[in-house]
């Protein structure tokens, strides 16, 4: 479900533990986020969008445009 999370992480040569640290969760929890076994809390989605410089809609596969929205 969240294949873009994995793609973005791998494109930056990061492991799951590094992203888990950013979100203050365990590596196992982050792994469940990526696999879609666990819904990602909105605060974590926002943190990931900021970390990657993209939009939450892009992370959720609602748009194919990775450029974040203007504030």
N, C-alpha and C. Protein backbone atom coordinates (compact mmCIF):
# COMPACT_ATOMS: atom_id res chain seq x y z
N UNK A 1 0.81 -1.20 0.00
CA UNK A 1 0.00 0.00 0.00
C UNK A 1 0.86 1.26 0.00
N UNK A 2 1.88 1.26 0.81
CA UNK A 2 2.73 2.45 0.92
C UNK A 2 4.06 2.22 0.20
N UNK A 3 3.98 1.77 -1.04
CA UNK A 3 5.20 1.46 -1.78
C UNK A 3 6.09 2.68 -1.99
N UNK A 4 5.49 3.85 -2.00
CA UNK A 4 6.32 5.06 -2.19
C UNK A 4 7.24 5.30 -1.01
N UNK A 5 6.80 4.92 0.18
CA UNK A 5 7.67 5.08 1.35
C UNK A 5 8.95 4.26 1.16
N UNK A 6 8.79 3.04 0.72
CA UNK A 6 9.96 2.19 0.51
C UNK A 6 10.83 2.75 -0.61
N UNK A 7 10.21 3.15 -1.71
CA UNK A 7 10.98 3.69 -2.83
C UNK A 7 11.76 4.94 -2.43
N UNK A 8 11.12 5.86 -1.73
CA UNK A 8 11.80 7.08 -1.29
C UNK A 8 12.96 6.75 -0.35
N UNK A 9 12.72 5.84 0.57
CA UNK A 9 13.77 5.44 1.52
C UNK A 9 14.94 4.80 0.79
N UNK A 10 14.66 3.88 -0.10
CA UNK A 10 15.74 3.19 -0.82
C UNK A 10 16.47 4.13 -1.77
N UNK A 11 15.77 5.08 -2.38
CA UNK A 11 16.42 6.05 -3.26
C UNK A 11 17.45 6.88 -2.51
N UNK A 12 17.26 7.03 -1.22
CA UNK A 12 18.20 7.81 -0.40
C UNK A 12 19.17 6.93 0.37
N UNK A 13 19.17 5.65 0.06
CA UNK A 13 20.07 4.68 0.71
C UNK A 13 19.92 4.69 2.22
N UNK A 14 18.69 4.75 2.69
CA UNK A 14 18.40 4.71 4.12
C UNK A 14 17.82 3.36 4.48
N UNK A 15 18.04 2.95 5.71
CA UNK A 15 17.41 1.71 6.16
C UNK A 15 16.17 2.06 7.01
N UNK A 16 15.39 1.05 7.32
CA UNK A 16 14.16 1.29 8.07
C UNK A 16 14.45 1.84 9.46
N UNK A 17 15.54 1.43 10.05
CA UNK A 17 15.88 1.93 11.39
C UNK A 17 16.11 3.44 11.38
N UNK A 18 16.69 3.96 10.32
CA UNK A 18 16.92 5.40 10.23
C UNK A 18 15.60 6.17 10.20
N UNK A 19 14.66 5.69 9.40
CA UNK A 19 13.35 6.35 9.33
C UNK A 19 12.57 6.16 10.61
N UNK A 20 12.69 5.00 11.23
CA UNK A 20 12.03 4.77 12.51
C UNK A 20 12.52 5.77 13.54
N UNK A 21 13.81 6.06 13.51
CA UNK A 21 14.38 7.04 14.43
C UNK A 21 13.80 8.43 14.19
N UNK A 22 13.63 8.80 12.94
CA UNK A 22 13.04 10.10 12.60
C UNK A 22 11.63 10.20 13.17
N UNK A 23 10.89 9.10 13.12
CA UNK A 23 9.49 9.10 13.57
C UNK A 23 9.34 8.73 15.04
N UNK A 24 10.43 8.38 15.69
CA UNK A 24 10.42 7.98 17.11
C UNK A 24 9.55 6.75 17.32
N UNK A 25 9.72 5.76 16.43
CA UNK A 25 9.04 4.47 16.56
C UNK A 25 10.09 3.39 16.39
N UNK A 26 9.70 2.15 16.65
CA UNK A 26 10.64 1.04 16.46
C UNK A 26 10.77 0.71 14.98
N UNK A 27 11.83 0.00 14.65
CA UNK A 27 12.02 -0.44 13.27
C UNK A 27 10.88 -1.36 12.86
N UNK A 28 10.41 -2.20 13.77
CA UNK A 28 9.30 -3.12 13.46
C UNK A 28 8.02 -2.35 13.12
N UNK A 29 7.77 -1.28 13.86
CA UNK A 29 6.59 -0.45 13.58
C UNK A 29 6.72 0.20 12.22
N UNK A 30 7.90 0.75 11.93
CA UNK A 30 8.09 1.38 10.63
C UNK A 30 7.93 0.35 9.51
N UNK A 31 8.44 -0.84 9.71
CA UNK A 31 8.29 -1.90 8.72
C UNK A 31 6.81 -2.18 8.45
N UNK A 32 6.01 -2.17 9.50
CA UNK A 32 4.57 -2.38 9.34
C UNK A 32 3.91 -1.22 8.60
N UNK A 33 4.43 -0.02 8.79
CA UNK A 33 3.92 1.12 8.01
C UNK A 33 4.17 0.88 6.52
N UNK A 34 5.40 0.53 6.18
CA UNK A 34 5.76 0.33 4.77
C UNK A 34 4.96 -0.79 4.12
N UNK A 35 4.71 -1.83 4.87
CA UNK A 35 4.00 -2.98 4.31
C UNK A 35 2.49 -2.80 4.29
N UNK A 36 2.00 -1.77 4.97
CA UNK A 36 0.57 -1.53 5.03
C UNK A 36 -0.14 -2.34 6.10
N UNK A 37 0.61 -3.02 6.95
CA UNK A 37 0.00 -3.79 8.02
C UNK A 37 -0.47 -2.90 9.17
N UNK A 38 0.02 -1.68 9.21
CA UNK A 38 -0.33 -0.73 10.26
C UNK A 38 -0.55 0.63 9.61
N UNK A 39 -1.69 1.25 9.91
CA UNK A 39 -1.95 2.59 9.38
C UNK A 39 -0.98 3.59 9.99
N UNK A 40 -0.53 4.52 9.17
CA UNK A 40 0.43 5.53 9.62
C UNK A 40 -0.35 6.68 10.24
N UNK A 41 0.00 7.07 11.46
CA UNK A 41 -0.67 8.23 12.08
C UNK A 41 -0.42 9.50 11.26
N UNK A 42 -1.37 10.39 11.29
CA UNK A 42 -1.25 11.61 10.48
C UNK A 42 0.00 12.41 10.84
N UNK A 43 0.36 12.47 12.10
CA UNK A 43 1.57 13.21 12.49
C UNK A 43 2.82 12.59 11.84
N UNK A 44 2.85 11.28 11.73
CA UNK A 44 3.98 10.61 11.09
C UNK A 44 3.99 10.85 9.59
N UNK A 45 2.81 10.86 8.97
CA UNK A 45 2.74 11.17 7.54
C UNK A 45 3.25 12.57 7.25
N UNK A 46 2.86 13.50 8.09
CA UNK A 46 3.33 14.88 7.92
C UNK A 46 4.85 14.94 8.09
N UNK A 47 5.36 14.25 9.10
CA UNK A 47 6.82 14.24 9.33
C UNK A 47 7.55 13.62 8.15
N UNK A 48 7.02 12.56 7.59
CA UNK A 48 7.66 11.93 6.42
C UNK A 48 7.60 12.84 5.20
N UNK A 49 6.49 13.49 4.99
CA UNK A 49 6.38 14.42 3.86
C UNK A 49 7.39 15.55 3.99
N UNK A 50 7.56 16.07 5.18
CA UNK A 50 8.55 17.13 5.40
C UNK A 50 9.96 16.60 5.22
N UNK A 51 10.21 15.41 5.74
CA UNK A 51 11.54 14.80 5.63
C UNK A 51 11.94 14.61 4.16
N UNK A 52 10.99 14.13 3.36
CA UNK A 52 11.26 13.87 1.94
C UNK A 52 11.03 15.07 1.03
N UNK A 53 10.45 16.14 1.57
CA UNK A 53 10.18 17.32 0.74
C UNK A 53 9.10 17.07 -0.29
N UNK A 54 8.06 16.38 0.11
CA UNK A 54 6.96 16.06 -0.79
C UNK A 54 5.64 16.29 -0.06
N UNK A 55 4.55 15.88 -0.67
CA UNK A 55 3.25 16.05 -0.03
C UNK A 55 2.75 14.73 0.54
N UNK A 56 1.86 14.83 1.50
CA UNK A 56 1.21 13.64 2.06
C UNK A 56 0.43 12.93 0.96
N UNK A 57 -0.20 13.69 0.08
CA UNK A 57 -0.94 13.07 -1.03
C UNK A 57 -0.03 12.20 -1.89
N UNK A 58 1.19 12.63 -2.11
CA UNK A 58 2.13 11.83 -2.89
C UNK A 58 2.47 10.53 -2.14
N UNK A 59 2.70 10.64 -0.84
CA UNK A 59 3.02 9.46 -0.05
C UNK A 59 1.87 8.46 -0.07
N UNK A 60 0.65 8.96 -0.08
CA UNK A 60 -0.54 8.10 -0.06
C UNK A 60 -0.99 7.67 -1.45
N UNK A 61 -0.21 8.03 -2.45
CA UNK A 61 -0.49 7.65 -3.84
C UNK A 61 -1.78 8.30 -4.36
N UNK A 62 -2.09 9.49 -3.88
CA UNK A 62 -3.26 10.22 -4.36
C UNK A 62 -2.91 11.15 -5.51
N UNK A 63 -1.63 11.38 -5.70
CA UNK A 63 -1.14 12.18 -6.81
C UNK A 63 0.20 11.60 -7.27
N UNK A 64 0.53 11.84 -8.50
CA UNK A 64 1.83 11.39 -9.02
C UNK A 64 2.85 12.52 -9.02
N UNK A 65 2.43 13.70 -8.57
CA UNK A 65 3.31 14.86 -8.52
C UNK A 65 4.02 14.92 -7.16
N UNK A 66 5.32 14.71 -7.13
CA UNK A 66 6.03 14.71 -5.84
C UNK A 66 6.27 16.10 -5.27
N UNK A 67 6.00 17.14 -6.03
CA UNK A 67 6.25 18.50 -5.56
C UNK A 67 5.24 18.85 -4.47
N UNK A 68 5.71 19.34 -3.32
CA UNK A 68 4.77 19.68 -2.25
C UNK A 68 3.93 20.91 -2.62
N UNK A 69 2.80 21.00 -1.96
CA UNK A 69 1.91 22.14 -2.18
C UNK A 69 2.53 23.41 -1.60
N UNK A 70 2.16 24.53 -2.21
CA UNK A 70 2.63 25.82 -1.67
C UNK A 70 1.93 26.10 -0.35
N UNK A 71 2.61 26.76 0.53
CA UNK A 71 2.02 27.10 1.84
C UNK A 71 1.37 28.44 1.77
